[in-house]
N, C-alpha and C. Protein backbone atom coordinates (compact mmCIF):
# COMPACT_ATOMS: atom_id res chain seq x y z
N MET A 1 -14.17 -12.48 -140.04
CA MET A 1 -13.54 -13.67 -140.56
C MET A 1 -13.89 -13.75 -142.04
N ASP A 2 -12.88 -14.02 -142.83
CA ASP A 2 -13.12 -14.11 -144.27
C ASP A 2 -13.67 -15.50 -144.62
N PRO A 3 -14.27 -15.65 -145.81
CA PRO A 3 -14.90 -16.91 -146.19
C PRO A 3 -13.93 -18.08 -146.25
N VAL A 4 -12.70 -17.85 -146.66
CA VAL A 4 -11.72 -18.92 -146.79
C VAL A 4 -11.37 -19.46 -145.40
N GLU A 5 -11.16 -18.54 -144.47
CA GLU A 5 -10.82 -18.95 -143.11
C GLU A 5 -11.99 -19.70 -142.47
N GLY A 6 -13.24 -19.25 -142.72
CA GLY A 6 -14.43 -19.94 -142.21
C GLY A 6 -14.53 -21.34 -142.76
N ASP A 7 -14.22 -21.52 -144.07
CA ASP A 7 -14.23 -22.86 -144.67
C ASP A 7 -13.18 -23.75 -144.02
N ASN A 8 -12.01 -23.20 -143.73
CA ASN A 8 -10.95 -23.97 -143.09
C ASN A 8 -11.39 -24.43 -141.70
N VAL A 9 -12.03 -23.57 -140.96
CA VAL A 9 -12.50 -23.93 -139.61
C VAL A 9 -13.52 -25.05 -139.72
N LEU A 10 -14.46 -24.94 -140.65
CA LEU A 10 -15.47 -25.98 -140.84
C LEU A 10 -14.84 -27.30 -141.24
N ARG A 11 -13.82 -27.27 -142.10
CA ARG A 11 -13.13 -28.49 -142.53
C ARG A 11 -12.45 -29.17 -141.34
N ARG A 12 -11.79 -28.38 -140.48
CA ARG A 12 -11.12 -28.96 -139.30
C ARG A 12 -12.14 -29.60 -138.36
N ILE A 13 -13.29 -28.95 -138.15
CA ILE A 13 -14.35 -29.50 -137.29
C ILE A 13 -14.85 -30.81 -137.88
N GLU A 14 -15.06 -30.82 -139.20
CA GLU A 14 -15.53 -32.03 -139.88
C GLU A 14 -14.50 -33.15 -139.77
N GLU A 15 -13.22 -32.83 -139.92
CA GLU A 15 -12.16 -33.84 -139.83
C GLU A 15 -12.09 -34.43 -138.42
N ASN A 16 -12.33 -33.59 -137.38
CA ASN A 16 -12.30 -34.08 -136.00
C ASN A 16 -13.57 -34.87 -135.66
N PHE A 17 -14.67 -34.52 -136.26
CA PHE A 17 -15.96 -35.12 -135.92
C PHE A 17 -16.17 -36.48 -136.60
N LEU A 18 -15.84 -36.58 -137.87
CA LEU A 18 -16.14 -37.79 -138.63
C LEU A 18 -15.54 -39.07 -138.05
N PRO A 19 -14.29 -39.10 -137.63
CA PRO A 19 -13.74 -40.37 -137.13
C PRO A 19 -14.42 -40.83 -135.83
N THR A 20 -14.89 -39.90 -134.99
CA THR A 20 -15.48 -40.29 -133.70
C THR A 20 -16.99 -40.43 -133.76
N ALA A 21 -17.64 -39.87 -134.74
CA ALA A 21 -19.10 -39.85 -134.81
C ALA A 21 -19.67 -41.26 -134.89
N GLN A 22 -19.09 -42.09 -135.72
CA GLN A 22 -19.63 -43.43 -135.89
C GLN A 22 -19.49 -44.24 -134.60
N ASP A 23 -18.37 -44.12 -133.92
CA ASP A 23 -18.17 -44.83 -132.65
C ASP A 23 -19.17 -44.35 -131.60
N LYS A 24 -19.34 -43.05 -131.53
CA LYS A 24 -20.31 -42.50 -130.56
C LYS A 24 -21.72 -43.00 -130.88
N TRP A 25 -22.09 -43.01 -132.14
CA TRP A 25 -23.42 -43.48 -132.56
C TRP A 25 -23.60 -44.95 -132.18
N ILE A 26 -22.60 -45.75 -132.43
CA ILE A 26 -22.68 -47.19 -132.12
C ILE A 26 -22.83 -47.39 -130.61
N ARG A 27 -22.05 -46.64 -129.80
CA ARG A 27 -22.15 -46.76 -128.34
C ARG A 27 -23.53 -46.35 -127.83
N LYS A 28 -24.06 -45.27 -128.38
CA LYS A 28 -25.40 -44.82 -127.96
C LYS A 28 -26.46 -45.83 -128.35
N GLN A 29 -26.36 -46.39 -129.53
CA GLN A 29 -27.32 -47.41 -129.96
C GLN A 29 -27.25 -48.63 -129.05
N ALA A 30 -26.04 -49.00 -128.63
CA ALA A 30 -25.87 -50.15 -127.73
C ALA A 30 -26.54 -49.86 -126.38
N LYS A 31 -26.38 -48.64 -125.86
CA LYS A 31 -27.02 -48.25 -124.61
C LYS A 31 -28.54 -48.32 -124.73
N VAL A 32 -29.05 -47.79 -125.84
CA VAL A 32 -30.51 -47.81 -126.07
C VAL A 32 -31.00 -49.24 -126.12
N GLU A 33 -30.27 -50.09 -126.79
CA GLU A 33 -30.67 -51.50 -126.92
C GLU A 33 -30.68 -52.19 -125.55
N ARG A 34 -29.64 -51.91 -124.72
CA ARG A 34 -29.59 -52.51 -123.38
C ARG A 34 -30.77 -52.04 -122.54
N LYS A 35 -31.11 -50.76 -122.67
CA LYS A 35 -32.24 -50.23 -121.90
C LYS A 35 -33.55 -50.83 -122.37
N LYS A 36 -33.69 -51.04 -123.67
CA LYS A 36 -34.90 -51.69 -124.20
C LYS A 36 -35.03 -53.10 -123.66
N GLN A 37 -33.90 -53.83 -123.63
CA GLN A 37 -33.92 -55.20 -123.12
C GLN A 37 -34.27 -55.22 -121.63
N ALA A 38 -33.72 -54.27 -120.88
CA ALA A 38 -34.03 -54.19 -119.44
C ALA A 38 -35.51 -53.89 -119.23
N ALA A 39 -36.06 -52.97 -120.03
CA ALA A 39 -37.48 -52.62 -119.92
C ALA A 39 -38.35 -53.83 -120.26
N GLU A 40 -37.99 -54.56 -121.32
CA GLU A 40 -38.75 -55.76 -121.69
C GLU A 40 -38.69 -56.80 -120.58
N SER A 41 -37.54 -56.94 -119.95
CA SER A 41 -37.38 -57.89 -118.84
C SER A 41 -38.28 -57.49 -117.67
N ILE A 42 -38.29 -56.20 -117.35
CA ILE A 42 -39.13 -55.70 -116.25
C ILE A 42 -40.60 -55.89 -116.58
N GLU A 43 -41.00 -55.59 -117.81
CA GLU A 43 -42.40 -55.78 -118.22
C GLU A 43 -42.78 -57.25 -118.14
N SER A 44 -41.88 -58.14 -118.51
CA SER A 44 -42.16 -59.57 -118.43
C SER A 44 -42.37 -59.99 -116.98
N GLU A 45 -41.50 -59.52 -116.07
CA GLU A 45 -41.65 -59.85 -114.66
C GLU A 45 -42.95 -59.28 -114.10
N LEU A 46 -43.30 -58.07 -114.51
CA LEU A 46 -44.54 -57.46 -114.05
C LEU A 46 -45.75 -58.26 -114.51
N SER A 47 -45.77 -58.68 -115.76
CA SER A 47 -46.91 -59.47 -116.24
C SER A 47 -46.99 -60.81 -115.52
N GLN A 48 -45.83 -61.42 -115.20
CA GLN A 48 -45.84 -62.66 -114.44
C GLN A 48 -46.41 -62.42 -113.04
N ALA A 49 -46.01 -61.32 -112.40
CA ALA A 49 -46.52 -61.00 -111.06
C ALA A 49 -48.03 -60.76 -111.11
N LYS A 50 -48.50 -60.05 -112.13
CA LYS A 50 -49.95 -59.81 -112.27
C LYS A 50 -50.68 -61.13 -112.48
N HIS A 51 -50.11 -62.01 -113.27
CA HIS A 51 -50.72 -63.31 -113.52
C HIS A 51 -50.82 -64.10 -112.21
N LEU A 52 -49.74 -64.11 -111.43
CA LEU A 52 -49.75 -64.82 -110.14
C LEU A 52 -50.77 -64.20 -109.19
N LEU A 53 -50.87 -62.89 -109.20
CA LEU A 53 -51.84 -62.21 -108.34
C LEU A 53 -53.27 -62.59 -108.72
N ARG A 54 -53.57 -62.55 -110.02
CA ARG A 54 -54.92 -62.95 -110.48
C ARG A 54 -55.21 -64.40 -110.11
N LYS A 55 -54.22 -65.23 -110.30
CA LYS A 55 -54.38 -66.66 -109.97
C LYS A 55 -54.65 -66.83 -108.48
N SER A 56 -53.94 -66.08 -107.64
CA SER A 56 -54.15 -66.16 -106.19
C SER A 56 -55.52 -65.62 -105.81
N TYR A 57 -55.94 -64.51 -106.43
CA TYR A 57 -57.26 -63.96 -106.12
C TYR A 57 -58.37 -64.90 -106.57
N ASN A 58 -58.14 -65.62 -107.63
CA ASN A 58 -59.17 -66.54 -108.12
C ASN A 58 -59.40 -67.72 -107.17
N LEU A 59 -58.51 -67.92 -106.22
CA LEU A 59 -58.73 -68.97 -105.23
C LEU A 59 -59.90 -68.61 -104.31
N ASN A 60 -60.22 -67.32 -104.21
CA ASN A 60 -61.36 -66.81 -103.43
C ASN A 60 -61.26 -67.17 -101.95
N ILE A 61 -60.07 -67.17 -101.42
CA ILE A 61 -59.92 -67.38 -99.98
C ILE A 61 -60.39 -66.13 -99.24
N ILE A 62 -59.99 -64.98 -99.76
CA ILE A 62 -60.40 -63.69 -99.16
C ILE A 62 -61.35 -63.01 -100.13
N PRO A 63 -62.55 -62.62 -99.67
CA PRO A 63 -63.50 -61.92 -100.55
C PRO A 63 -62.94 -60.60 -101.07
N ASN A 64 -63.50 -60.14 -102.17
CA ASN A 64 -62.99 -58.94 -102.85
C ASN A 64 -62.86 -57.72 -101.95
N GLN A 65 -63.87 -57.43 -101.12
CA GLN A 65 -63.84 -56.20 -100.32
C GLN A 65 -62.73 -56.20 -99.27
N TYR A 66 -62.14 -57.40 -99.00
CA TYR A 66 -61.08 -57.48 -98.00
C TYR A 66 -59.70 -57.61 -98.64
N ARG A 67 -59.59 -57.36 -99.92
CA ARG A 67 -58.32 -57.50 -100.62
C ARG A 67 -57.57 -56.17 -100.68
N ASN A 68 -57.24 -55.68 -99.50
CA ASN A 68 -56.37 -54.51 -99.41
C ASN A 68 -55.42 -54.75 -98.24
N LEU A 69 -54.39 -53.94 -98.16
CA LEU A 69 -53.33 -54.17 -97.19
C LEU A 69 -53.85 -54.11 -95.76
N TYR A 70 -54.70 -53.12 -95.49
CA TYR A 70 -55.23 -52.98 -94.13
C TYR A 70 -56.04 -54.21 -93.72
N ALA A 71 -56.92 -54.67 -94.60
CA ALA A 71 -57.77 -55.81 -94.29
C ALA A 71 -56.94 -57.08 -94.11
N VAL A 72 -55.98 -57.30 -94.97
CA VAL A 72 -55.16 -58.50 -94.88
C VAL A 72 -54.34 -58.47 -93.59
N ASP A 73 -53.80 -57.30 -93.24
CA ASP A 73 -53.04 -57.18 -92.00
C ASP A 73 -53.93 -57.47 -90.79
N PHE A 74 -55.14 -56.91 -90.79
CA PHE A 74 -56.07 -57.16 -89.69
C PHE A 74 -56.39 -58.65 -89.58
N LEU A 75 -56.72 -59.26 -90.72
CA LEU A 75 -57.09 -60.68 -90.70
C LEU A 75 -55.92 -61.55 -90.23
N TYR A 76 -54.72 -61.23 -90.71
CA TYR A 76 -53.55 -61.99 -90.30
C TYR A 76 -53.34 -61.88 -88.79
N SER A 77 -53.37 -60.66 -88.28
CA SER A 77 -53.17 -60.45 -86.84
C SER A 77 -54.27 -61.12 -86.03
N PHE A 78 -55.49 -60.99 -86.49
CA PHE A 78 -56.63 -61.57 -85.77
C PHE A 78 -56.53 -63.09 -85.74
N LEU A 79 -56.25 -63.70 -86.89
CA LEU A 79 -56.17 -65.16 -86.94
C LEU A 79 -54.97 -65.68 -86.15
N LYS A 80 -53.89 -64.92 -86.15
CA LYS A 80 -52.69 -65.33 -85.44
C LYS A 80 -52.91 -65.29 -83.92
N SER A 81 -53.72 -64.34 -83.45
CA SER A 81 -53.89 -64.16 -82.01
C SER A 81 -55.16 -64.80 -81.45
N SER A 82 -55.96 -65.47 -82.28
CA SER A 82 -57.19 -66.08 -81.77
C SER A 82 -57.36 -67.47 -82.37
N ASN A 83 -58.35 -68.17 -81.85
CA ASN A 83 -58.64 -69.53 -82.32
C ASN A 83 -59.86 -69.56 -83.25
N LEU A 84 -60.25 -68.41 -83.77
CA LEU A 84 -61.45 -68.33 -84.60
C LEU A 84 -61.15 -68.71 -86.04
N THR A 85 -62.23 -69.00 -86.78
CA THR A 85 -62.09 -69.35 -88.20
C THR A 85 -62.01 -68.08 -89.04
N LEU A 86 -61.72 -68.26 -90.32
CA LEU A 86 -61.63 -67.12 -91.23
C LEU A 86 -62.96 -66.40 -91.34
N SER A 87 -64.06 -67.13 -91.42
CA SER A 87 -65.37 -66.48 -91.55
C SER A 87 -65.69 -65.66 -90.30
N GLU A 88 -65.32 -66.16 -89.10
CA GLU A 88 -65.55 -65.39 -87.88
C GLU A 88 -64.65 -64.15 -87.85
N ALA A 89 -63.42 -64.31 -88.33
CA ALA A 89 -62.51 -63.16 -88.40
C ALA A 89 -63.05 -62.10 -89.35
N LEU A 90 -63.60 -62.54 -90.49
CA LEU A 90 -64.20 -61.59 -91.43
C LEU A 90 -65.38 -60.87 -90.81
N LEU A 91 -66.18 -61.58 -90.03
CA LEU A 91 -67.32 -60.96 -89.36
C LEU A 91 -66.84 -59.89 -88.38
N HIS A 92 -65.81 -60.22 -87.59
CA HIS A 92 -65.26 -59.24 -86.64
C HIS A 92 -64.65 -58.05 -87.37
N PHE A 93 -63.95 -58.33 -88.47
CA PHE A 93 -63.36 -57.23 -89.24
C PHE A 93 -64.44 -56.31 -89.76
N ASN A 94 -65.49 -56.91 -90.28
CA ASN A 94 -66.58 -56.11 -90.82
C ASN A 94 -67.20 -55.24 -89.73
N LEU A 95 -67.39 -55.79 -88.52
CA LEU A 95 -67.94 -55.01 -87.42
C LEU A 95 -67.00 -53.87 -87.03
N GLU A 96 -65.71 -54.16 -86.99
CA GLU A 96 -64.74 -53.12 -86.65
C GLU A 96 -64.78 -52.00 -87.70
N GLU A 97 -64.85 -52.40 -88.94
CA GLU A 97 -64.89 -51.40 -90.02
C GLU A 97 -66.16 -50.56 -89.92
N ILE A 98 -67.28 -51.20 -89.63
CA ILE A 98 -68.55 -50.48 -89.48
C ILE A 98 -68.45 -49.51 -88.31
N LYS A 99 -67.88 -49.95 -87.19
CA LYS A 99 -67.72 -49.06 -86.03
C LYS A 99 -66.87 -47.85 -86.40
N GLN A 100 -65.78 -48.08 -87.11
CA GLN A 100 -64.91 -46.97 -87.50
C GLN A 100 -65.63 -45.99 -88.41
N LYS A 101 -66.39 -46.53 -89.35
CA LYS A 101 -67.12 -45.65 -90.27
C LYS A 101 -68.18 -44.86 -89.51
N LEU A 102 -68.87 -45.51 -88.58
CA LEU A 102 -69.89 -44.80 -87.79
C LEU A 102 -69.24 -43.72 -86.93
N ASP A 103 -68.09 -44.01 -86.35
CA ASP A 103 -67.39 -43.00 -85.57
C ASP A 103 -67.03 -41.79 -86.43
N LYS A 104 -66.59 -42.04 -87.66
CA LYS A 104 -66.25 -40.94 -88.58
C LYS A 104 -67.50 -40.14 -88.93
N VAL A 105 -68.60 -40.84 -89.19
CA VAL A 105 -69.85 -40.15 -89.53
C VAL A 105 -70.30 -39.28 -88.36
N ILE A 106 -70.25 -39.85 -87.14
CA ILE A 106 -70.66 -39.08 -85.96
C ILE A 106 -69.77 -37.86 -85.77
N GLU A 107 -68.48 -38.04 -85.96
CA GLU A 107 -67.54 -36.91 -85.83
C GLU A 107 -67.85 -35.82 -86.86
N LYS A 108 -68.11 -36.23 -88.09
CA LYS A 108 -68.44 -35.24 -89.12
C LYS A 108 -69.75 -34.53 -88.81
N GLN A 109 -70.73 -35.27 -88.30
CA GLN A 109 -72.00 -34.63 -87.95
C GLN A 109 -71.83 -33.65 -86.81
N GLU A 110 -70.98 -33.98 -85.84
CA GLU A 110 -70.71 -33.04 -84.75
C GLU A 110 -70.07 -31.78 -85.29
N GLN A 111 -69.14 -31.94 -86.23
CA GLN A 111 -68.50 -30.77 -86.84
C GLN A 111 -69.53 -29.93 -87.60
N ILE A 112 -70.43 -30.60 -88.30
CA ILE A 112 -71.46 -29.88 -89.06
C ILE A 112 -72.37 -29.12 -88.12
N ILE A 113 -72.76 -29.76 -87.01
CA ILE A 113 -73.63 -29.09 -86.02
C ILE A 113 -72.93 -27.88 -85.44
N LEU A 114 -71.64 -28.04 -85.11
CA LEU A 114 -70.88 -26.92 -84.56
C LEU A 114 -70.79 -25.78 -85.57
N GLN A 115 -70.52 -26.11 -86.83
CA GLN A 115 -70.45 -25.08 -87.87
C GLN A 115 -71.81 -24.38 -88.03
N ASN A 116 -72.89 -25.16 -87.97
CA ASN A 116 -74.23 -24.57 -88.08
C ASN A 116 -74.50 -23.62 -86.92
N GLU A 117 -74.09 -23.99 -85.71
CA GLU A 117 -74.28 -23.11 -84.55
C GLU A 117 -73.50 -21.81 -84.73
N ILE A 118 -72.28 -21.93 -85.23
CA ILE A 118 -71.47 -20.73 -85.49
C ILE A 118 -72.15 -19.85 -86.52
N ILE A 119 -72.67 -20.45 -87.58
CA ILE A 119 -73.35 -19.69 -88.64
C ILE A 119 -74.60 -19.02 -88.10
N ILE A 120 -75.36 -19.75 -87.26
CA ILE A 120 -76.57 -19.17 -86.67
C ILE A 120 -76.21 -17.97 -85.80
N ALA A 121 -75.16 -18.10 -84.98
CA ALA A 121 -74.74 -16.98 -84.13
C ALA A 121 -74.32 -15.79 -84.98
N GLN A 122 -73.60 -16.04 -86.06
CA GLN A 122 -73.17 -14.96 -86.95
C GLN A 122 -74.38 -14.31 -87.62
N ASN A 123 -75.35 -15.12 -88.02
CA ASN A 123 -76.56 -14.59 -88.65
C ASN A 123 -77.35 -13.73 -87.67
N GLU A 124 -77.40 -14.15 -86.40
CA GLU A 124 -78.11 -13.34 -85.40
C GLU A 124 -77.43 -11.99 -85.21
N LYS A 125 -76.08 -12.00 -85.18
CA LYS A 125 -75.35 -10.74 -85.07
C LYS A 125 -75.63 -9.85 -86.28
N LEU A 126 -75.60 -10.44 -87.46
CA LEU A 126 -75.88 -9.67 -88.68
C LEU A 126 -77.30 -9.12 -88.67
N LEU A 127 -78.24 -9.93 -88.18
CA LEU A 127 -79.64 -9.48 -88.10
C LEU A 127 -79.76 -8.28 -87.17
N LYS A 128 -79.09 -8.34 -86.02
CA LYS A 128 -79.12 -7.21 -85.08
C LYS A 128 -78.50 -5.97 -85.71
N LYS A 129 -77.36 -6.14 -86.38
CA LYS A 129 -76.71 -5.00 -87.04
C LYS A 129 -77.61 -4.41 -88.13
N ASN A 130 -78.23 -5.30 -88.93
CA ASN A 130 -79.11 -4.82 -90.01
C ASN A 130 -80.32 -4.10 -89.44
N THR A 131 -80.88 -4.64 -88.33
CA THR A 131 -82.03 -3.99 -87.71
C THR A 131 -81.63 -2.60 -87.21
N ALA A 132 -80.45 -2.51 -86.57
CA ALA A 132 -79.97 -1.21 -86.08
C ALA A 132 -79.76 -0.24 -87.24
N MET A 133 -79.20 -0.74 -88.36
CA MET A 133 -78.99 0.13 -89.52
C MET A 133 -80.33 0.58 -90.11
N LEU A 134 -81.30 -0.33 -90.17
CA LEU A 134 -82.62 0.04 -90.71
C LEU A 134 -83.30 1.07 -89.81
N ASN A 135 -83.17 0.88 -88.49
CA ASN A 135 -83.75 1.88 -87.57
C ASN A 135 -83.06 3.23 -87.76
N GLY A 136 -81.73 3.21 -87.93
CA GLY A 136 -81.00 4.46 -88.18
C GLY A 136 -81.44 5.10 -89.48
N LEU A 137 -81.61 4.30 -90.53
CA LEU A 137 -82.07 4.84 -91.81
C LEU A 137 -83.49 5.40 -91.71
N ALA A 138 -84.35 4.73 -90.94
CA ALA A 138 -85.72 5.23 -90.76
C ALA A 138 -85.69 6.56 -90.01
N SER A 139 -84.80 6.66 -89.02
CA SER A 139 -84.66 7.92 -88.29
C SER A 139 -84.16 9.03 -89.21
N ILE A 140 -83.19 8.69 -90.05
CA ILE A 140 -82.67 9.67 -91.02
C ILE A 140 -83.77 10.08 -91.99
N GLU A 141 -84.58 9.11 -92.41
CA GLU A 141 -85.68 9.43 -93.33
C GLU A 141 -86.69 10.36 -92.67
N ARG A 142 -87.03 10.07 -91.41
CA ARG A 142 -87.98 10.96 -90.70
C ARG A 142 -87.39 12.35 -90.56
N THR A 143 -86.11 12.45 -90.22
CA THR A 143 -85.45 13.74 -90.08
C THR A 143 -85.45 14.47 -91.41
N THR A 144 -85.17 13.74 -92.50
CA THR A 144 -85.18 14.34 -93.83
C THR A 144 -86.57 14.86 -94.18
N GLU A 145 -87.60 14.07 -93.84
CA GLU A 145 -88.97 14.52 -94.10
C GLU A 145 -89.30 15.76 -93.27
N ASP A 146 -88.84 15.77 -92.00
CA ASP A 146 -89.07 16.95 -91.14
C ASP A 146 -88.36 18.16 -91.72
N ILE A 147 -87.13 17.96 -92.20
CA ILE A 147 -86.37 19.07 -92.79
C ILE A 147 -87.08 19.57 -94.05
N ALA A 148 -87.57 18.61 -94.85
CA ALA A 148 -88.27 19.01 -96.09
C ALA A 148 -89.53 19.80 -95.73
N GLY A 149 -90.25 19.33 -94.72
CA GLY A 149 -91.46 20.05 -94.28
C GLY A 149 -91.10 21.43 -93.76
N SER A 150 -90.01 21.50 -92.96
CA SER A 150 -89.57 22.79 -92.42
C SER A 150 -89.13 23.71 -93.55
N SER A 151 -88.48 23.17 -94.55
CA SER A 151 -88.04 23.98 -95.69
C SER A 151 -89.24 24.53 -96.44
N ALA A 152 -90.28 23.70 -96.58
CA ALA A 152 -91.49 24.17 -97.28
C ALA A 152 -92.15 25.29 -96.49
N LEU A 153 -92.19 25.13 -95.15
CA LEU A 153 -92.76 26.19 -94.31
C LEU A 153 -91.92 27.45 -94.40
N ALA A 154 -90.60 27.29 -94.39
CA ALA A 154 -89.71 28.46 -94.48
C ALA A 154 -89.92 29.17 -95.81
N ALA A 155 -90.10 28.40 -96.88
CA ALA A 155 -90.33 29.01 -98.20
C ALA A 155 -91.66 29.76 -98.19
N GLN A 156 -92.68 29.15 -97.57
CA GLN A 156 -94.00 29.81 -97.52
C GLN A 156 -93.92 31.10 -96.70
N TYR A 157 -93.21 31.05 -95.54
CA TYR A 157 -93.05 32.25 -94.72
C TYR A 157 -92.25 33.31 -95.46
N SER A 158 -91.27 32.87 -96.26
CA SER A 158 -90.49 33.83 -97.06
C SER A 158 -91.38 34.52 -98.07
N ARG A 159 -92.28 33.75 -98.71
CA ARG A 159 -93.21 34.38 -99.68
C ARG A 159 -94.15 35.37 -98.97
N ILE A 160 -94.61 34.95 -97.77
CA ILE A 160 -95.50 35.85 -97.01
C ILE A 160 -94.77 37.13 -96.65
N ALA A 161 -93.50 36.98 -96.19
CA ALA A 161 -92.70 38.15 -95.81
C ALA A 161 -92.47 39.03 -97.03
N ALA A 162 -92.20 38.41 -98.20
CA ALA A 162 -91.96 39.19 -99.41
C ALA A 162 -93.23 39.94 -99.81
N THR A 163 -94.37 39.25 -99.73
CA THR A 163 -95.65 39.90 -100.06
C THR A 163 -95.93 41.03 -99.07
N ASN A 164 -95.65 40.78 -97.80
CA ASN A 164 -95.85 41.80 -96.77
C ASN A 164 -94.96 43.00 -97.03
N SER A 165 -93.69 42.73 -97.42
CA SER A 165 -92.77 43.83 -97.71
C SER A 165 -93.26 44.64 -98.90
N GLU A 166 -93.73 43.95 -99.94
CA GLU A 166 -94.24 44.65 -101.13
C GLU A 166 -95.47 45.50 -100.75
N THR A 167 -96.33 44.92 -99.89
CA THR A 167 -97.54 45.64 -99.48
C THR A 167 -97.17 46.88 -98.68
N CYS A 168 -96.21 46.71 -97.74
CA CYS A 168 -95.77 47.84 -96.92
C CYS A 168 -95.13 48.91 -97.81
N ALA A 169 -94.35 48.49 -98.77
CA ALA A 169 -93.70 49.43 -99.68
C ALA A 169 -94.75 50.18 -100.49
N TRP A 170 -95.80 49.50 -100.89
CA TRP A 170 -96.86 50.14 -101.67
C TRP A 170 -97.58 51.18 -100.83
N PHE A 171 -97.87 50.73 -99.53
CA PHE A 171 -98.54 51.69 -98.64
C PHE A 171 -97.67 52.90 -98.39
N CYS A 172 -96.37 52.67 -98.21
CA CYS A 172 -95.46 53.79 -97.97
C CYS A 172 -95.41 54.71 -99.20
N ALA A 173 -95.42 54.13 -100.35
CA ALA A 173 -95.36 54.92 -101.58
C ALA A 173 -96.64 55.71 -101.74
N VAL A 174 -97.78 55.08 -101.42
CA VAL A 174 -99.05 55.77 -101.56
C VAL A 174 -99.13 56.90 -100.52
N GLN A 175 -98.69 56.65 -99.35
CA GLN A 175 -98.77 57.62 -98.27
C GLN A 175 -97.88 58.84 -98.54
N THR A 176 -96.73 58.66 -99.13
CA THR A 176 -95.83 59.76 -99.41
C THR A 176 -96.36 60.61 -100.57
N ARG A 177 -97.19 60.08 -101.42
CA ARG A 177 -97.76 60.84 -102.53
C ARG A 177 -98.87 61.72 -102.00
N TRP A 178 -99.44 61.39 -101.00
CA TRP A 178 -100.59 62.15 -100.49
C TRP A 178 -100.13 63.13 -99.57
């Protein structure tokens, strides 16, 4: 493409873009502004809800440790189905929670004991295998020592045989000269 034709293409793109660019920019800015207003509205509602929640908690009807969904559901169900007071319901809830925690602790301890038994059994197997390997290595060491001793004896007997052969050869040589 030659430079003149490239300039013409750029001019046509610019002519098509300029009339719509400002409208597109204005529409996008309007969308951004609406989203900002929606976010501010949501933040305002959230802060109001937090304020109401703090205000309700400050009444201190329910103690801090019971301010969760599970505890509130338990207390509601308990109070609805019995004639007890809130303090008695809290006492029962606390006992139920303690029982549940103790059950979990006992379950975990049982699992730990079981794991320890498995580890002990595995360690005993490993100990037996290691003992067998050590006995095998000791046997190999004794055999190696026996072989080394036998090799030393064989070397000594070879020297004796060589000396004997030299002596016999000397006697034969002396005897043939005479």
